[in-house]
Amino acid sequence: MRVYNRYIISLALLLMTTTVALAFAGQDQLDLYFAAYLIECLIVTLLFAHLNRSGRRALGIIGVFLFIGFICIVISRVLGIIMGINALGSQ
């Protein structure tokens, strides 16, 4: 099995396990899921950092987009706190 196949399978199993665990815990906040997925994706990517150069570059680009999404969620939460509204619609 090639290293990128192990990477994809590991990431898929980890994300599935997290989804089941958070759903079982009754969580319905999208930002919590996104933050957990982001952290897991970055950790698994670091563990599989020995991918070839083009694979590392592509995973780095994906990591940047995930980080931008995380920053958008944080900004939305901060604005919600400052303005006294619930910006993401979660309870």
Protein backbone atom coordinates (compact mmCIF):
# COMPACT_ATOMS: atom_id res chain seq x y z
CA MET A 1 0.00 0.00 0.00
CA ARG A 2 1.41 3.36 -0.99
CA VAL A 3 1.95 6.12 1.51
CA TYR A 4 -0.75 8.40 0.10
CA ASN A 5 -3.28 5.55 0.29
CA ARG A 6 -2.42 5.09 3.98
CA TYR A 7 -2.73 8.87 4.45
CA ILE A 8 -6.20 9.00 2.90
CA ILE A 9 -7.43 5.92 4.78
CA SER A 10 -6.02 7.21 8.09
CA LEU A 11 -7.58 10.61 7.62
CA ALA A 12 -10.94 9.18 6.57
CA LEU A 13 -11.08 6.83 9.58
CA LEU A 14 -10.08 9.58 11.99
CA LEU A 15 -12.61 12.06 10.62
CA MET A 16 -15.35 9.42 10.66
CA THR A 17 -14.54 8.51 14.26
CA THR A 18 -14.64 12.17 15.26
CA THR A 19 -17.96 12.71 13.51
CA VAL A 20 -19.53 9.73 15.25
CA ALA A 21 -18.12 10.76 18.64
CA LEU A 22 -19.31 14.37 18.35
CA ALA A 23 -22.73 13.31 17.06
CA PHE A 24 -23.05 10.80 19.90
CA ALA A 25 -22.16 13.58 22.36
CA GLY A 26 -25.02 15.64 20.93
CA GLN A 27 -22.91 18.41 19.44
CA ASP A 28 -24.55 20.37 16.63
CA GLN A 29 -22.16 23.30 16.28
CA LEU A 30 -20.57 23.46 12.84
CA ASP A 31 -17.56 25.39 14.10
CA LEU A 32 -16.72 22.65 16.59
CA TYR A 33 -16.73 20.03 13.84
CA PHE A 34 -14.63 22.25 11.56
CA ALA A 35 -12.06 22.97 14.26
CA ALA A 36 -11.75 19.28 15.13
CA TYR A 37 -11.38 18.35 11.46
CA LEU A 38 -8.78 21.06 10.93
CA ILE A 39 -6.66 19.95 13.86
CA GLU A 40 -6.88 16.31 12.83
CA CYS A 41 -6.04 17.08 9.22
CA LEU A 42 -2.97 19.09 10.18
CA ILE A 43 -1.76 16.43 12.63
CA VAL A 44 -2.18 13.56 10.16
CA THR A 45 -0.49 15.63 7.45
CA LEU A 46 2.48 16.25 9.74
CA LEU A 47 2.70 12.55 10.51
CA PHE A 48 2.74 11.76 6.79
CA ALA A 49 5.18 14.56 5.95
CA HIS A 50 7.43 12.16 4.08
CA LEU A 51 5.19 12.32 1.00
CA ASN A 52 6.79 13.39 -2.24
CA ARG A 53 7.34 17.08 -3.03
CA SER A 54 4.19 17.59 -5.09
CA GLY A 55 2.13 15.76 -2.45
CA ARG A 56 3.49 17.99 0.31
CA ARG A 57 2.78 21.09 -1.76
CA ALA A 58 -0.82 20.03 -2.45
CA LEU A 59 -1.41 19.17 1.21
CA GLY A 60 0.11 22.51 2.21
CA ILE A 61 -2.35 24.33 -0.05
CA ILE A 62 -5.25 22.37 1.46
CA GLY A 63 -3.96 23.24 4.93
CA VAL A 64 -3.89 26.93 4.04
CA PHE A 65 -7.52 26.84 2.89
CA LEU A 66 -8.56 24.97 6.05
CA PHE A 67 -6.74 27.54 8.16
CA ILE A 68 -8.46 30.40 6.31
CA GLY A 69 -11.82 28.74 7.04
CA PHE A 70 -10.85 28.43 10.71
CA ILE A 71 -9.92 32.12 10.85
CA CYS A 72 -13.29 33.02 9.29
CA ILE A 73 -15.08 31.04 12.00
CA VAL A 74 -13.02 32.71 14.74
CA ILE A 75 -13.72 36.17 13.31
CA SER A 76 -17.42 35.34 13.10
CA ARG A 77 -17.45 34.24 16.74
CA VAL A 78 -15.55 37.32 17.91
CA LEU A 79 -17.88 39.63 16.01
CA GLY A 80 -20.83 37.78 17.50
CA ILE A 81 -19.47 38.30 21.00
CA ILE A 82 -18.67 41.97 20.40
CA MET A 83 -22.01 42.75 18.76
CA GLY A 84 -24.00 40.57 21.14
CA ILE A 85 -25.48 38.32 18.46
CA ASN A 86 -25.10 34.69 17.56
CA ALA A 87 -23.26 34.92 14.24
CA LEU A 88 -23.25 31.23 13.29
CA GLY A 89 -26.76 30.42 14.34
CA SER A 90 -25.66 27.82 16.91
CA GLN A 91 -27.19 27.74 20.33
